[in-house]
Amino acid sequence: MPYLEYESNALLAINLLTHKKVFQNRDRMYSGEPGSGAGKGGGGGGAIRDAGGSFGKMEAAREDQYFYNKQKEQLENLKGHLDKEIAFHQEQIKRHEDAIRRHKQQMAEIPESK
């Protein structure tokens, strides 16, 4: 299991969480709802969102749903990767315990010197 893969999954999850936090803070800064039109706090997201109305709100909801789904997918990938890491380390522990047992057995078979 390459460590780089784990690192990139972790960074994606952190970036997504940070991105979500930025959007939550952005929404608090404006007086309007996302997608409610330019000048009301929901502008700057493209022509449809700038126009406001139902289409702007629908587009804002789709954007939020996209990031929610993306975050969910990345967290599932991260959990799956961590499960693999745990299984790998548990196997390593088993191998080390077997090696310790073998070495102790070999030491017991060595005759005592007088």
PDB file of N, CA and C in Angstrom:
ATOM      1  N   MET A   1       0.840  -1.188   0.000  1.00  0.00           N
ATOM      2  CA  MET A   1       0.000   0.000   0.000  1.00  0.00           C
ATOM      3  C   MET A   1       0.882   1.248   0.000  1.00  0.00           C
ATOM      4  N   PRO A   2       0.872   1.989  -1.048  1.00  0.00           N
ATOM      5  CA  PRO A   2       1.731   3.169  -1.085  1.00  0.00           C
ATOM      6  C   PRO A   2       1.238   4.240  -0.117  1.00  0.00           C
ATOM      7  N   TYR A   3       2.185   4.805   0.585  1.00  0.00           N
ATOM      8  CA  TYR A   3       1.853   5.853   1.547  1.00  0.00           C
ATOM      9  C   TYR A   3       1.338   7.079   0.828  1.00  0.00           C
ATOM     10  N   LEU A   4       1.835   7.315  -0.382  1.00  0.00           N
ATOM     11  CA  LEU A   4       1.420   8.483  -1.150  1.00  0.00           C
ATOM     12  C   LEU A   4      -0.076   8.465  -1.419  1.00  0.00           C
ATOM     13  N   GLU A   5      -0.623   7.280  -1.677  1.00  0.00           N
ATOM     14  CA  GLU A   5      -2.066   7.163  -1.914  1.00  0.00           C
ATOM     15  C   GLU A   5      -2.845   7.595  -0.671  1.00  0.00           C
ATOM     16  N   TYR A   6      -2.408   7.130   0.495  1.00  0.00           N
ATOM     17  CA  TYR A   6      -3.057   7.516   1.747  1.00  0.00           C
ATOM     18  C   TYR A   6      -2.963   9.011   1.950  1.00  0.00           C
ATOM     19  N   GLU A   7      -1.771   9.556   1.682  1.00  0.00           N
ATOM     20  CA  GLU A   7      -1.550  10.985   1.892  1.00  0.00           C
ATOM     21  C   GLU A   7      -2.447  11.804   0.977  1.00  0.00           C
ATOM     22  N   SER A   8      -2.585  11.396  -0.275  1.00  0.00           N
ATOM     23  CA  SER A   8      -3.414  12.159  -1.204  1.00  0.00           C
ATOM     24  C   SER A   8      -4.892  12.066  -0.821  1.00  0.00           C
ATOM     25  N   ASN A   9      -5.364  10.892  -0.377  1.00  0.00           N
ATOM     26  CA  ASN A   9      -6.757  10.768   0.067  1.00  0.00           C
ATOM     27  C   ASN A   9      -7.013  11.646   1.286  1.00  0.00           C
ATOM     28  N   ALA A  10      -6.057  11.653   2.207  1.00  0.00           N
ATOM     29  CA  ALA A  10      -6.211  12.481   3.407  1.00  0.00           C
ATOM     30  C   ALA A  10      -6.245  13.961   3.028  1.00  0.00           C
ATOM     31  N   LEU A  11      -5.378  14.364   2.119  1.00  0.00           N
ATOM     32  CA  LEU A  11      -5.353  15.767   1.702  1.00  0.00           C
ATOM     33  C   LEU A  11      -6.644  16.152   0.988  1.00  0.00           C
ATOM     34  N   LEU A  12      -7.183  15.256   0.158  1.00  0.00           N
ATOM     35  CA  LEU A  12      -8.458  15.546  -0.507  1.00  0.00           C
ATOM     36  C   LEU A  12      -9.576  15.747   0.509  1.00  0.00           C
ATOM     37  N   ALA A  13      -9.618  14.887   1.514  1.00  0.00           N
ATOM     38  CA  ALA A  13     -10.662  15.007   2.535  1.00  0.00           C
ATOM     39  C   ALA A  13     -10.504  16.315   3.308  1.00  0.00           C
ATOM     40  N   ILE A  14      -9.280  16.672   3.653  1.00  0.00           N
ATOM     41  CA  ILE A  14      -9.028  17.918   4.391  1.00  0.00           C
ATOM     42  C   ILE A  14      -9.402  19.116   3.535  1.00  0.00           C
ATOM     43  N   ASN A  15      -9.010  19.097   2.251  1.00  0.00           N
ATOM     44  CA  ASN A  15      -9.352  20.210   1.357  1.00  0.00           C
ATOM     45  C   ASN A  15     -10.853  20.366   1.216  1.00  0.00           C
ATOM     46  N   LEU A  16     -11.557  19.257   1.102  1.00  0.00           N
ATOM     47  CA  LEU A  16     -13.008  19.323   0.953  1.00  0.00           C
ATOM     48  C   LEU A  16     -13.650  19.882   2.209  1.00  0.00           C
ATOM     49  N   LEU A  17     -13.183  19.444   3.377  1.00  0.00           N
ATOM     50  CA  LEU A  17     -13.728  19.973   4.627  1.00  0.00           C
ATOM     51  C   LEU A  17     -13.448  21.465   4.740  1.00  0.00           C
ATOM     52  N   THR A  18     -12.255  21.890   4.349  1.00  0.00           N
ATOM     53  CA  THR A  18     -11.901  23.304   4.386  1.00  0.00           C
ATOM     54  C   THR A  18     -12.785  24.084   3.417  1.00  0.00           C
ATOM     55  N   HIS A  19     -12.991  23.529   2.211  1.00  0.00           N
ATOM     56  CA  HIS A  19     -13.829  24.181   1.207  1.00  0.00           C
ATOM     57  C   HIS A  19     -15.246  24.367   1.745  1.00  0.00           C
ATOM     58  N   LYS A  20     -15.775  23.338   2.392  1.00  0.00           N
ATOM     59  CA  LYS A  20     -17.126  23.417   2.947  1.00  0.00           C
ATOM     60  C   LYS A  20     -17.190  24.499   4.019  1.00  0.00           C
ATOM     61  N   LYS A  21     -16.159  24.589   4.855  1.00  0.00           N
ATOM     62  CA  LYS A  21     -16.119  25.590   5.920  1.00  0.00           C
ATOM     63  C   LYS A  21     -16.103  27.002   5.318  1.00  0.00           C
ATOM     64  N   VAL A  22     -15.335  27.192   4.247  1.00  0.00           N
ATOM     65  CA  VAL A  22     -15.267  28.505   3.594  1.00  0.00           C
ATOM     66  C   VAL A  22     -16.645  28.897   3.082  1.00  0.00           C
ATOM     67  N   PHE A  23     -17.362  27.943   2.447  1.00  0.00           N
ATOM     68  CA  PHE A  23     -18.680  28.263   1.927  1.00  0.00           C
ATOM     69  C   PHE A  23     -19.673  28.538   3.049  1.00  0.00           C
ATOM     70  N   GLN A  24     -19.551  27.840   4.176  1.00  0.00           N
ATOM     71  CA  GLN A  24     -20.432  28.112   5.304  1.00  0.00           C
ATOM     72  C   GLN A  24     -20.179  29.518   5.834  1.00  0.00           C
ATOM     73  N   ASN A  25     -18.917  29.897   5.951  1.00  0.00           N
ATOM     74  CA  ASN A  25     -18.584  31.240   6.423  1.00  0.00           C
ATOM     75  C   ASN A  25     -19.026  32.291   5.422  1.00  0.00           C
ATOM     76  N   ARG A  26     -18.875  32.011   4.117  1.00  0.00           N
ATOM     77  CA  ARG A  26     -19.278  32.950   3.076  1.00  0.00           C
ATOM     78  C   ARG A  26     -20.773  33.215   3.163  1.00  0.00           C
ATOM     79  N   ASP A  27     -21.550  32.162   3.395  1.00  0.00           N
ATOM     80  CA  ASP A  27     -22.993  32.319   3.445  1.00  0.00           C
ATOM     81  C   ASP A  27     -23.428  33.191   4.615  1.00  0.00           C
ATOM     82  N   ARG A  28     -22.687  33.155   5.697  1.00  0.00           N
ATOM     83  CA  ARG A  28     -23.027  33.981   6.869  1.00  0.00           C
ATOM     84  C   ARG A  28     -22.707  35.454   6.636  1.00  0.00           C
ATOM     85  N   MET A  29     -21.759  35.716   5.725  1.00  0.00           N
ATOM     86  CA  MET A  29     -21.320  37.090   5.509  1.00  0.00           C
ATOM     87  C   MET A  29     -22.360  37.905   4.750  1.00  0.00           C
ATOM     88  N   TYR A  30     -23.175  37.260   3.958  1.00  0.00           N
ATOM     89  CA  TYR A  30     -24.136  37.964   3.129  1.00  0.00           C
ATOM     90  C   TYR A  30     -25.522  37.885   3.747  1.00  0.00           C
ATOM     91  N   SER A  31     -26.340  38.856   3.345  1.00  0.00           N
ATOM     92  CA  SER A  31     -27.674  38.891   3.930  1.00  0.00           C
ATOM     93  C   SER A  31     -28.653  37.947   3.244  1.00  0.00           C
ATOM     94  N   GLY A  32     -28.438  37.641   1.957  1.00  0.00           N
ATOM     95  CA  GLY A  32     -29.367  36.796   1.219  1.00  0.00           C
ATOM     96  C   GLY A  32     -28.975  35.335   1.266  1.00  0.00           C
ATOM     97  N   GLU A  33     -29.809  34.534   0.641  1.00  0.00           N
ATOM     98  CA  GLU A  33     -29.527  33.105   0.539  1.00  0.00           C
ATOM     99  C   GLU A  33     -28.675  32.865  -0.698  1.00  0.00           C
ATOM    100  N   PRO A  34     -27.909  31.752  -0.717  1.00  0.00           N
ATOM    101  CA  PRO A  34     -27.166  31.435  -1.934  1.00  0.00           C
ATOM    102  C   PRO A  34     -28.128  31.252  -3.104  1.00  0.00           C
ATOM    103  N   GLY A  35     -27.776  31.850  -4.230  1.00  0.00           N
ATOM    104  CA  GLY A  35     -28.611  31.724  -5.414  1.00  0.00           C
ATOM    105  C   GLY A  35     -29.749  32.718  -5.489  1.00  0.00           C
ATOM    106  N   SER A  36     -29.785  33.683  -4.553  1.00  0.00           N
ATOM    107  CA  SER A  36     -30.900  34.628  -4.546  1.00  0.00           C
ATOM    108  C   SER A  36     -30.660  35.837  -5.442  1.00  0.00           C
ATOM    109  N   GLY A  37     -29.568  35.829  -6.208  1.00  0.00           N
ATOM    110  CA  GLY A  37     -29.331  36.897  -7.165  1.00  0.00           C
ATOM    111  C   GLY A  37     -28.181  37.793  -6.765  1.00  0.00           C
ATOM    112  N   ALA A  38     -27.622  38.497  -7.758  1.00  0.00           N
ATOM    113  CA  ALA A  38     -26.498  39.397  -7.521  1.00  0.00           C
ATOM    114  C   ALA A  38     -26.937  40.552  -6.640  1.00  0.00           C
ATOM    115  N   GLY A  39     -26.053  40.978  -5.769  1.00  0.00           N
ATOM    116  CA  GLY A  39     -26.357  42.098  -4.898  1.00  0.00           C
ATOM    117  C   GLY A  39     -27.112  41.702  -3.644  1.00  0.00           C
ATOM    118  N   LYS A  40     -27.525  40.463  -3.557  1.00  0.00           N
ATOM    119  CA  LYS A  40     -28.264  40.000  -2.389  1.00  0.00           C
ATOM    120  C   LYS A  40     -27.471  38.937  -1.633  1.00  0.00           C
ATOM    121  N   GLY A  41     -26.215  38.770  -2.015  1.00  0.00           N
ATOM    122  CA  GLY A  41     -25.381  37.808  -1.313  1.00  0.00           C
ATOM    123  C   GLY A  41     -25.225  36.496  -2.031  1.00  0.00           C
ATOM    124  N   GLY A  42     -25.961  36.278  -3.105  1.00  0.00           N
ATOM    125  CA  GLY A  42     -25.867  35.006  -3.803  1.00  0.00           C
ATOM    126  C   GLY A  42     -25.232  35.126  -5.164  1.00  0.00           C
ATOM    127  N   GLY A  43     -24.746  36.296  -5.525  1.00  0.00           N
ATOM    128  CA  GLY A  43     -24.206  36.509  -6.862  1.00  0.00           C
ATOM    129  C   GLY A  43     -22.789  35.991  -7.004  1.00  0.00           C
ATOM    130  N   GLY A  44     -22.261  36.154  -8.208  1.00  0.00           N
ATOM    131  CA  GLY A  44     -20.888  35.762  -8.474  1.00  0.00           C
ATOM    132  C   GLY A  44     -20.733  34.306  -8.835  1.00  0.00           C
ATOM    133  N   GLY A  45     -21.813  33.586  -9.063  1.00  0.00           N
ATOM    134  CA  GLY A  45     -21.715  32.169  -9.358  1.00  0.00           C
ATOM    135  C   GLY A  45     -22.100  31.820 -10.777  1.00  0.00           C
ATOM    136  N   GLY A  46     -22.176  32.782 -11.655  1.00  0.00           N
ATOM    137  CA  GLY A  46     -22.569  32.506 -13.035  1.00  0.00           C
ATOM    138  C   GLY A  46     -23.855  33.225 -13.377  1.00  0.00           C
ATOM    139  N   ALA A  47     -24.208  33.189 -14.652  1.00  0.00           N
ATOM    140  CA  ALA A  47     -25.359  33.953 -15.132  1.00  0.00           C
ATOM    141  C   ALA A  47     -26.663  33.513 -14.474  1.00  0.00           C
ATOM    142  N   ILE A  48     -26.855  32.213 -14.317  1.00  0.00           N
ATOM    143  CA  ILE A  48     -28.115  31.736 -13.741  1.00  0.00           C
ATOM    144  C   ILE A  48     -28.220  32.152 -12.279  1.00  0.00           C
ATOM    145  N   ARG A  49     -27.123  31.984 -11.525  1.00  0.00           N
ATOM    146  CA  ARG A  49     -27.173  32.358 -10.110  1.00  0.00           C
ATOM    147  C   ARG A  49     -27.249  33.871  -9.945  1.00  0.00           C
ATOM    148  N   ASP A  50     -26.619  34.620 -10.855  1.00  0.00           N
ATOM    149  CA  ASP A  50     -26.689  36.082 -10.779  1.00  0.00           C
ATOM    150  C   ASP A  50     -28.113  36.577 -10.976  1.00  0.00           C
ATOM    151  N   ALA A  51     -28.867  35.886 -11.807  1.00  0.00           N
ATOM    152  CA  ALA A  51     -30.241  36.300 -12.091  1.00  0.00           C
ATOM    153  C   ALA A  51     -31.150  36.103 -10.886  1.00  0.00           C
ATOM    154  N   GLY A  52     -30.807  35.145 -10.034  1.00  0.00           N
ATOM    155  CA  GLY A  52     -31.619  34.902  -8.846  1.00  0.00           C
ATOM    156  C   GLY A  52     -32.848  34.079  -9.172  1.00  0.00           C
ATOM    157  N   GLY A  53     -33.793  34.101  -8.281  1.00  0.00           N
ATOM    158  CA  GLY A  53     -35.029  33.363  -8.494  1.00  0.00           C
ATOM    159  C   GLY A  53     -34.864  31.874  -8.265  1.00  0.00           C
ATOM    160  N   SER A  54     -35.826  31.122  -8.763  1.00  0.00           N
ATOM    161  CA  SER A  54     -35.859  29.674  -8.545  1.00  0.00           C
ATOM    162  C   SER A  54     -34.673  28.966  -9.162  1.00  0.00           C
ATOM    163  N   PHE A  55     -34.272  29.393 -10.375  1.00  0.00           N
ATOM    164  CA  PHE A  55     -33.142  28.730 -11.014  1.00  0.00           C
ATOM    165  C   PHE A  55     -31.847  28.950 -10.230  1.00  0.00           C
ATOM    166  N   GLY A  56     -31.660  30.153  -9.712  1.00  0.00           N
ATOM    167  CA  GLY A  56     -30.463  30.447  -8.917  1.00  0.00           C
ATOM    168  C   GLY A  56     -30.406  29.612  -7.651  1.00  0.00           C
ATOM    169  N   LYS A  57     -31.558  29.502  -6.993  1.00  0.00           N
ATOM    170  CA  LYS A  57     -31.612  28.693  -5.766  1.00  0.00           C
ATOM    171  C   LYS A  57     -31.410  27.212  -6.079  1.00  0.00           C
ATOM    172  N   MET A  58     -31.971  26.768  -7.205  1.00  0.00           N
ATOM    173  CA  MET A  58     -31.819  25.371  -7.600  1.00  0.00           C
ATOM    174  C   MET A  58     -30.346  25.078  -7.919  1.00  0.00           C
ATOM    175  N   GLU A  59     -29.675  25.998  -8.598  1.00  0.00           N
ATOM    176  CA  GLU A  59     -28.260  25.821  -8.925  1.00  0.00           C
ATOM    177  C   GLU A  59     -27.406  25.811  -7.655  1.00  0.00           C
ATOM    178  N   ALA A  60     -27.719  26.668  -6.698  1.00  0.00           N
ATOM    179  CA  ALA A  60     -26.994  26.681  -5.430  1.00  0.00           C
ATOM    180  C   ALA A  60     -27.198  25.365  -4.684  1.00  0.00           C
ATOM    181  N   ALA A  61     -28.414  24.826  -4.725  1.00  0.00           N
ATOM    182  CA  ALA A  61     -28.698  23.546  -4.069  1.00  0.00           C
ATOM    183  C   ALA A  61     -27.928  22.414  -4.749  1.00  0.00           C
ATOM    184  N   ARG A  62     -27.849  22.450  -6.088  1.00  0.00           N
ATOM    185  CA  ARG A  62     -27.089  21.424  -6.808  1.00  0.00           C
ATOM    186  C   ARG A  62     -25.609  21.483  -6.449  1.00  0.00           C
ATOM    187  N   GLU A  63     -25.094  22.698  -6.328  1.00  0.00           N
ATOM    188  CA  GLU A  63     -23.686  22.868  -5.967  1.00  0.00           C
ATOM    189  C   GLU A  63     -23.430  22.302  -4.568  1.00  0.00           C
ATOM    190  N   ASP A  64     -24.305  22.622  -3.636  1.00  0.00           N
ATOM    191  CA  ASP A  64     -24.161  22.096  -2.277  1.00  0.00           C
ATOM    192  C   ASP A  64     -24.244  20.572  -2.269  1.00  0.00           C
ATOM    193  N   GLN A  65     -25.162  20.012  -3.053  1.00  0.00           N
ATOM    194  CA  GLN A  65     -25.315  18.558  -3.132  1.00  0.00           C
ATOM    195  C   GLN A  65     -24.070  17.921  -3.730  1.00  0.00           C
ATOM    196  N   TYR A  66     -23.495  18.562  -4.750  1.00  0.00           N
ATOM    197  CA  TYR A  66     -22.274  18.041  -5.367  1.00  0.00           C
ATOM    198  C   TYR A  66     -21.153  17.937  -4.338  1.00  0.00           C
ATOM    199  N   PHE A  67     -20.935  19.005  -3.588  1.00  0.00           N
ATOM    200  CA  PHE A  67     -19.847  18.995  -2.603  1.00  0.00           C
ATOM    201  C   PHE A  67     -20.140  18.022  -1.461  1.00  0.00           C
ATOM    202  N   TYR A  68     -21.402  17.889  -1.094  1.00  0.00           N
ATOM    203  CA  TYR A  68     -21.770  16.915  -0.064  1.00  0.00           C
ATOM    204  C   TYR A  68     -21.443  15.496  -0.541  1.00  0.00           C
ATOM    205  N   ASN A  69     -21.845  15.180  -1.779  1.00  0.00           N
ATOM    206  CA  ASN A  69     -21.579  13.848  -2.336  1.00  0.00           C
ATOM    207  C   ASN A  69     -20.088  13.607  -2.496  1.00  0.00           C
ATOM    208  N   LYS A  70     -19.349  14.621  -2.941  1.00  0.00           N
ATOM    209  CA  LYS A  70     -17.903  14.494  -3.116  1.00  0.00           C
ATOM    210  C   LYS A  70     -17.232  14.228  -1.774  1.00  0.00           C
ATOM    211  N   GLN A  71     -17.642  14.954  -0.746  1.00  0.00           N
ATOM    212  CA  GLN A  71     -17.074  14.771   0.582  1.00  0.00           C
ATOM    213  C   GLN A  71     -17.386  13.366   1.106  1.00  0.00           C
ATOM    214  N   LYS A  72     -18.618  12.912   0.897  1.00  0.00           N
ATOM    215  CA  LYS A  72     -19.024  11.586   1.345  1.00  0.00           C
ATOM    216  C   LYS A  72     -18.182  10.511   0.662  1.00  0.00           C
ATOM    217  N   GLU A  73     -17.980  10.652  -0.639  1.00  0.00           N
ATOM    218  CA  GLU A  73     -17.172   9.695  -1.403  1.00  0.00           C
ATOM    219  C   GLU A  73     -15.722   9.674  -0.908  1.00  0.00           C
ATOM    220  N   GLN A  74     -15.151  10.849  -0.683  1.00  0.00           N
ATOM    221  CA  GLN A  74     -13.760  10.922  -0.231  1.00  0.00           C
ATOM    222  C   GLN A  74     -13.604  10.341   1.167  1.00  0.00           C
ATOM    223  N   LEU A  75     -14.566  10.583   2.033  1.00  0.00           N
ATOM    224  CA  LEU A  75     -14.480  10.018   3.381  1.00  0.00           C
ATOM    225  C   LEU A  75     -14.607   8.498   3.354  1.00  0.00           C
ATOM    226  N   GLU A  76     -15.468   7.982   2.479  1.00  0.00           N
ATOM    227  CA  GLU A  76     -15.589   6.523   2.332  1.00  0.00           C
ATOM    228  C   GLU A  76     -14.281   5.934   1.816  1.00  0.00           C
ATOM    229  N   ASN A  77     -13.654   6.606   0.841  1.00  0.00           N
ATOM    230  CA  ASN A  77     -12.357   6.148   0.332  1.00  0.00           C
ATOM    231  C   ASN A  77     -11.298   6.170   1.420  1.00  0.00           C
ATOM    232  N   LEU A  78     -11.306   7.217   2.220  1.00  0.00           N
ATOM    233  CA  LEU A  78     -10.330   7.334   3.307  1.00  0.00           C
ATOM    234  C   LEU A  78     -10.539   6.228   4.337  1.00  0.00           C
ATOM    235  N   LYS A  79     -11.793   5.958   4.693  1.00  0.00           N
ATOM    236  CA  LYS A  79     -12.086   4.882   5.646  1.00  0.00           C
ATOM    237  C   LYS A  79     -11.643   3.534   5.095  1.00  0.00           C
ATOM    238  N   GLY A  80     -11.920   3.289   3.826  1.00  0.00           N
ATOM    239  CA  GLY A  80     -11.502   2.035   3.203  1.00  0.00           C
ATOM    240  C   GLY A  80      -9.994   1.874   3.219  1.00  0.00           C
ATOM    241  N   HIS A  81      -9.301   2.957   2.922  1.00  0.00           N
ATOM    242  CA  HIS A  81      -7.838   2.910   2.935  1.00  0.00           C
ATOM    243  C   HIS A  81      -7.321   2.662   4.352  1.00  0.00           C
ATOM    244  N   LEU A  82      -7.914   3.306   5.336  1.00  0.00           N
ATOM    245  CA  LEU A  82      -7.483   3.104   6.719  1.00  0.00           C
ATOM    246  C   LEU A  82      -7.762   1.679   7.180  1.00  0.00           C
ATOM    247  N   ASP A  83      -8.872   1.090   6.719  1.00  0.00           N
ATOM    248  CA  ASP A  83      -9.142  -0.321   7.034  1.00  0.00           C
ATOM    249  C   ASP A  83      -8.033  -1.216   6.482  1.00  0.00           C
ATOM    250  N   LYS A  84      -7.586  -0.922   5.249  1.00  0.00           N
ATOM    251  CA  LYS A  84      -6.492  -1.692   4.662  1.00  0.00           C
ATOM    252  C   LYS A  84      -5.204  -1.509   5.457  1.00  0.00           C
ATOM    253  N   GLU A  85      -4.932  -0.293   5.886  1.00  0.00           N
ATOM    254  CA  GLU A  85      -3.736  -0.018   6.694  1.00  0.00           C
ATOM    255  C   GLU A  85      -3.782  -0.798   8.006  1.00  0.00           C
ATOM    256  N   ILE A  86      -4.939  -0.823   8.639  1.00  0.00           N
ATOM    257  CA  ILE A  86      -5.094  -1.548   9.909  1.00  0.00           C
ATOM    258  C   ILE A  86      -4.849  -3.035   9.689  1.00  0.00           C
ATOM    259  N   ALA A  87      -5.433  -3.598   8.642  1.00  0.00           N
ATOM    260  CA  ALA A  87      -5.241  -5.021   8.347  1.00  0.00           C
ATOM    261  C   ALA A  87      -3.771  -5.323   8.075  1.00  0.00           C
ATOM    262  N   PHE A  88      -3.096  -4.447   7.352  1.00  0.00           N
ATOM    263  CA  PHE A  88      -1.673  -4.629   7.063  1.00  0.00           C
ATOM    264  C   PHE A  88      -0.860  -4.657   8.356  1.00  0.00           C
ATOM    265  N   HIS A  89      -1.113  -3.714   9.248  1.00  0.00           N
ATOM    266  CA  HIS A  89      -0.354  -3.645  10.498  1.00  0.00           C
ATOM    267  C   HIS A  89      -0.679  -4.821  11.422  1.00  0.00           C
ATOM    268  N   GLN A  90      -1.929  -5.265  11.410  1.00  0.00           N
ATOM    269  CA  GLN A  90      -2.281  -6.438  12.210  1.00  0.00           C
ATOM    270  C   GLN A  90      -1.546  -7.673  11.708  1.00  0.00           C
ATOM    271  N   GLU A  91      -1.410  -7.803  10.407  1.00  0.00           N
ATOM    272  CA  GLU A  91      -0.650  -8.922   9.828  1.00  0.00           C
ATOM    273  C   GLU A  91       0.825  -8.818  10.218  1.00  0.00           C
ATOM    274  N   GLN A  92       1.353  -7.602  10.206  1.00  0.00           N
ATOM    275  CA  GLN A  92       2.750  -7.409  10.614  1.00  0.00           C
ATOM    276  C   GLN A  92       2.948  -7.788  12.076  1.00  0.00           C
ATOM    277  N   ILE A  93       1.995  -7.431  12.932  1.00  0.00           N
ATOM    278  CA  ILE A  93       2.072  -7.791  14.352  1.00  0.00           C
ATOM    279  C   ILE A  93       2.105  -9.309  14.496  1.00  0.00           C
ATOM    280  N   LYS A  94       1.236  -9.994  13.749  1.00  0.00           N
ATOM    281  CA  LYS A  94       1.193 -11.459  13.804  1.00  0.00           C
ATOM    282  C   LYS A  94       2.534 -12.046  13.389  1.00  0.00           C
ATOM    283  N   ARG A  95       3.110 -11.536  12.312  1.00  0.00           N
ATOM    284  CA  ARG A  95       4.413 -12.030  11.854  1.00  0.00           C
ATOM    285  C   ARG A  95       5.503 -11.795  12.900  1.00  0.00           C
ATOM    286  N   HIS A  96       5.497 -10.634  13.518  1.00  0.00           N
ATOM    287  CA  HIS A  96       6.511 -10.329  14.542  1.00  0.00           C
ATOM    288  C   HIS A  96       6.339 -11.222  15.767  1.00  0.00           C
ATOM    289  N   GLU A  97       5.089 -11.450  16.171  1.00  0.00           N
ATOM    290  CA  GLU A  97       4.847 -12.323  17.322  1.00  0.00           C
ATOM    291  C   GLU A  97       5.310 -13.751  17.032  1.00  0.00           C
ATOM    292  N   ASP A  98       5.078 -14.222  15.793  1.00  0.00           N
ATOM    293  CA  ASP A  98       5.563 -15.553  15.400  1.00  0.00           C
ATOM    294  C   ASP A  98       7.095 -15.600  15.437  1.00  0.00           C
ATOM    295  N   ALA A  99       7.741 -14.560  14.951  1.00  0.00           N
ATOM    296  CA  ALA A  99       9.208 -14.514  14.961  1.00  0.00           C
ATOM    297  C   ALA A  99       9.738 -14.507  16.396  1.00  0.00           C
ATOM    298  N   ILE A 100       9.106 -13.751  17.286  1.00  0.00           N
ATOM    299  CA  ILE A 100       9.524 -13.716  18.695  1.00  0.00           C
ATOM    300  C   ILE A 100       9.387 -15.105  19.313  1.00  0.00           C
ATOM    301  N   ARG A 101       8.264 -15.764  19.039  1.00  0.00           N
ATOM    302  CA  ARG A 101       8.050 -17.112  19.583  1.00  0.00           C
ATOM    303  C   ARG A 101       9.126 -18.077  19.087  1.00  0.00           C
ATOM    304  N   ARG A 102       9.448 -18.016  17.781  1.00  0.00           N
ATOM    305  CA  ARG A 102      10.489 -18.887  17.218  1.00  0.00           C
ATOM    306  C   ARG A 102      11.848 -18.627  17.857  1.00  0.00           C
ATOM    307  N   HIS A 103      12.188 -17.356  18.053  1.00  0.00           N
ATOM    308  CA  HIS A 103      13.485 -17.018  18.655  1.00  0.00           C
ATOM    309  C   HIS A 103      13.562 -17.481  20.108  1.00  0.00           C
ATOM    310  N   LYS A 104      12.472 -17.340  20.841  1.00  0.00           N
ATOM    311  CA  LYS A 104      12.457 -17.819  22.227  1.00  0.00           C
ATOM    312  C   LYS A 104      12.630 -19.335  22.275  1.00  0.00           C
ATOM    313  N   GLN A 105      11.980 -20.020  21.325  1.00  0.00           N
ATOM    314  CA  GLN A 105      12.108 -21.481  21.260  1.00  0.00           C
ATOM    315  C   GLN A 105      13.552 -21.874  20.943  1.00  0.00           C
ATOM    316  N   GLN A 106      14.194 -21.165  20.015  1.00  0.00           N
ATOM    317  CA  GLN A 106      15.584 -21.440  19.704  1.00  0.00           C
ATOM    318  C   GLN A 106      16.492 -21.198  20.902  1.00  0.00           C
ATOM    319  N   MET A 107      16.224 -20.122  21.651  1.00  0.00           N
ATOM    320  CA  MET A 107      17.032 -19.832  22.846  1.00  0.00           C
ATOM    321  C   MET A 107      16.866 -20.935  23.893  1.00  0.00           C
ATOM    322  N   ALA A 108      15.662 -21.466  24.020  1.00  0.00           N
ATOM    323  CA  ALA A 108      15.417 -22.528  25.000  1.00  0.00           C
ATOM    324  C   ALA A 108      16.134 -23.806  24.597  1.00  0.00           C
ATOM    325  N   GLU A 109      16.352 -24.044  23.323  1.00  0.00           N
ATOM    326  CA  GLU A 109      17.009 -25.256  22.859  1.00  0.00           C
ATOM    327  C   GLU A 109      18.529 -25.180  22.967  1.00  0.00           C
ATOM    328  N   ILE A 110      19.082 -24.002  23.145  1.00  0.00           N
ATOM    329  CA  ILE A 110      20.529 -23.860  23.286  1.00  0.00           C
ATOM    330  C   ILE A 110      20.925 -24.354  24.664  1.00  0.00           C
ATOM    331  N   PRO A 111      21.926 -25.249  24.728  1.00  0.00           N
ATOM    332  CA  PRO A 111      22.339 -25.770  26.039  1.00  0.00           C
ATOM    333  C   PRO A 111      22.997 -24.671  26.874  1.00  0.00           C
ATOM    334  N   GLU A 112      22.762 -24.775  28.171  1.00  0.00           N
ATOM    335  CA  GLU A 112      23.352 -23.814  29.128  1.00  0.00           C
ATOM    336  C   GLU A 112      24.849 -24.063  29.212  1.00  0.00           C
ATOM    337  N   SER A 113      25.621 -23.015  29.263  1.00  0.00           N
ATOM    338  CA  SER A 113      27.088 -23.157  29.429  1.00  0.00           C
ATOM    339  C   SER A 113      27.428 -23.096  30.917  1.00  0.00           C
ATOM    340  N   LYS A 114      28.468 -23.874  31.314  1.00  0.00           N
ATOM    341  CA  LYS A 114      28.865 -23.924  32.729  1.00  0.00           C
ATOM    342  C   LYS A 114      30.060 -23.120  33.006  1.00  0.00           C
TER     343      LYS A 114
END
